[in-house]
């Protein structure tokens, strides 16, 4: 009876190990997929930051020019 019981325990342990391996593989795949999504999101955000940074530079130049124009108008009026 004990031999049967021991064999049953081994089968249970092997089943658990197999389930854990499968779950581990699934989780690794999920992690890889999420990592790729995260990297893509970061790249998109970097591009947007650059876009707004460039636009801010352009706007600052325009504001500077407008201020110069206003000063000139004040002195020439």
C-alpha atoms as a PDB file:
ATOM      1  CA  UNK A   1       0.000   0.000   0.000  1.00  0.00           C
ATOM      2  CA  UNK A   2       2.803   2.384   0.750  1.00  0.00           C
ATOM      3  CA  UNK A   3       4.406   1.823  -2.632  1.00  0.00           C
ATOM      4  CA  UNK A   4       1.144   2.759  -4.307  1.00  0.00           C
ATOM      5  CA  UNK A   5       0.852   5.818  -2.098  1.00  0.00           C
ATOM      6  CA  UNK A   6       4.435   6.867  -2.874  1.00  0.00           C
ATOM      7  CA  UNK A   7       3.814   6.470  -6.592  1.00  0.00           C
ATOM      8  CA  UNK A   8       0.675   8.555  -6.328  1.00  0.00           C
ATOM      9  CA  UNK A   9       2.640  11.286  -4.576  1.00  0.00           C
ATOM     10  CA  UNK A  10       5.302  11.253  -7.281  1.00  0.00           C
ATOM     11  CA  UNK A  11       2.662  11.605  -9.973  1.00  0.00           C
ATOM     12  CA  UNK A  12       1.091  14.493  -8.113  1.00  0.00           C
ATOM     13  CA  UNK A  13       4.451  16.174  -7.703  1.00  0.00           C
ATOM     14  CA  UNK A  14       5.253  15.673 -11.391  1.00  0.00           C
ATOM     15  CA  UNK A  15       1.877  17.129 -12.350  1.00  0.00           C
ATOM     16  CA  UNK A  16       2.477  20.162 -10.182  1.00  0.00           C
ATOM     17  CA  UNK A  17       5.930  20.631 -11.647  1.00  0.00           C
ATOM     18  CA  UNK A  18       4.526  20.389 -15.153  1.00  0.00           C
ATOM     19  CA  UNK A  19       1.790  22.915 -14.370  1.00  0.00           C
ATOM     20  CA  UNK A  20       4.311  25.305 -12.856  1.00  0.00           C
ATOM     21  CA  UNK A  21       6.582  25.008 -15.890  1.00  0.00           C
ATOM     22  CA  UNK A  22       3.664  25.775 -18.189  1.00  0.00           C
ATOM     23  CA  UNK A  23       2.594  28.692 -16.066  1.00  0.00           C
ATOM     24  CA  UNK A  24       6.155  29.957 -15.957  1.00  0.00           C
ATOM     25  CA  UNK A  25       6.402  29.771 -19.751  1.00  0.00           C
ATOM     26  CA  UNK A  26       3.091  31.599 -20.098  1.00  0.00           C
ATOM     27  CA  UNK A  27       4.209  34.319 -17.697  1.00  0.00           C
ATOM     28  CA  UNK A  28       7.523  34.745 -19.485  1.00  0.00           C
ATOM     29  CA  UNK A  29       5.704  35.114 -22.795  1.00  0.00           C
ATOM     30  CA  UNK A  30       3.344  37.656 -21.259  1.00  0.00           C
ATOM     31  CA  UNK A  31       6.236  39.563 -19.780  1.00  0.00           C
ATOM     32  CA  UNK A  32       8.013  39.665 -23.143  1.00  0.00           C
ATOM     33  CA  UNK A  33       4.873  40.916 -24.860  1.00  0.00           C
ATOM     34  CA  UNK A  34       4.277  43.596 -22.241  1.00  0.00           C
ATOM     35  CA  UNK A  35       7.923  44.633 -22.405  1.00  0.00           C
ATOM     36  CA  UNK A  36       7.639  45.122 -26.157  1.00  0.00           C
ATOM     37  CA  UNK A  37       4.493  47.208 -25.721  1.00  0.00           C
ATOM     38  CA  UNK A  38       6.227  49.257 -23.061  1.00  0.00           C
ATOM     39  CA  UNK A  39       9.231  49.889 -25.299  1.00  0.00           C
ATOM     40  CA  UNK A  40       6.947  50.967 -28.144  1.00  0.00           C
ATOM     41  CA  UNK A  41       5.076  53.320 -25.830  1.00  0.00           C
ATOM     42  CA  UNK A  42       8.330  54.850 -24.631  1.00  0.00           C
ATOM     43  CA  UNK A  43       9.474  55.395 -28.218  1.00  0.00           C
ATOM     44  CA  UNK A  44       6.217  57.108 -29.135  1.00  0.00           C
ATOM     45  CA  UNK A  45       6.460  59.339 -26.074  1.00  0.00           C
ATOM     46  CA  UNK A  46      10.053  60.256 -26.917  1.00  0.00           C
ATOM     47  CA  UNK A  47       8.958  61.321 -30.403  1.00  0.00           C
ATOM     48  CA  UNK A  48       6.121  63.395 -28.988  1.00  0.00           C
ATOM     49  CA  UNK A  49       8.434  65.057 -26.482  1.00  0.00           C
ATOM     50  CA  UNK A  50      10.806  65.981 -29.301  1.00  0.00           C
ATOM     51  CA  UNK A  51       7.917  67.342 -31.347  1.00  0.00           C
ATOM     52  CA  UNK A  52       6.693  69.563 -28.511  1.00  0.00           C
ATOM     53  CA  UNK A  53      10.209  70.582 -27.613  1.00  0.00           C
ATOM     54  CA  UNK A  54      10.799  71.737 -31.179  1.00  0.00           C
ATOM     55  CA  UNK A  55       7.462  73.526 -31.251  1.00  0.00           C
ATOM     56  CA  UNK A  56       8.292  75.245 -27.982  1.00  0.00           C
ATOM     57  CA  UNK A  57      11.576  76.466 -29.443  1.00  0.00           C
ATOM     58  CA  UNK A  58       9.770  77.807 -32.503  1.00  0.00           C
ATOM     59  CA  UNK A  59       7.134  79.503 -30.358  1.00  0.00           C
ATOM     60  CA  UNK A  60       9.787  81.081 -28.154  1.00  0.00           C
ATOM     61  CA  UNK A  61      11.481  82.543 -31.212  1.00  0.00           C
ATOM     62  CA  UNK A  62       8.168  83.904 -32.479  1.00  0.00           C
ATOM     63  CA  UNK A  63       7.395  85.459 -29.090  1.00  0.00           C
ATOM     64  CA  UNK A  64      10.824  87.061 -29.033  1.00  0.00           C
ATOM     65  CA  UNK A  65      10.261  88.510 -32.500  1.00  0.00           C
ATOM     66  CA  UNK A  66       6.821  89.798 -31.526  1.00  0.00           C
ATOM     67  CA  UNK A  67       8.264  91.520 -28.471  1.00  0.00           C
ATOM     68  CA  UNK A  68      10.913  93.174 -30.625  1.00  0.00           C
ATOM     69  CA  UNK A  69       8.241  94.310 -33.049  1.00  0.00           C
ATOM     70  CA  UNK A  70       6.151  95.749 -30.215  1.00  0.00           C
ATOM     71  CA  UNK A  71       9.125  97.625 -28.808  1.00  0.00           C
ATOM     72  CA  UNK A  72       9.882  99.079 -32.206  1.00  0.00           C
ATOM     73  CA  UNK A  73       6.278 100.205 -32.556  1.00  0.00           C
ATOM     74  CA  UNK A  74       6.439 101.902 -29.157  1.00  0.00           C
ATOM     75  CA  UNK A  75       9.562 103.816 -30.086  1.00  0.00           C
ATOM     76  CA  UNK A  76       8.372 104.764 -33.546  1.00  0.00           C
ATOM     77  CA  UNK A  77       4.865 105.861 -32.520  1.00  0.00           C
END
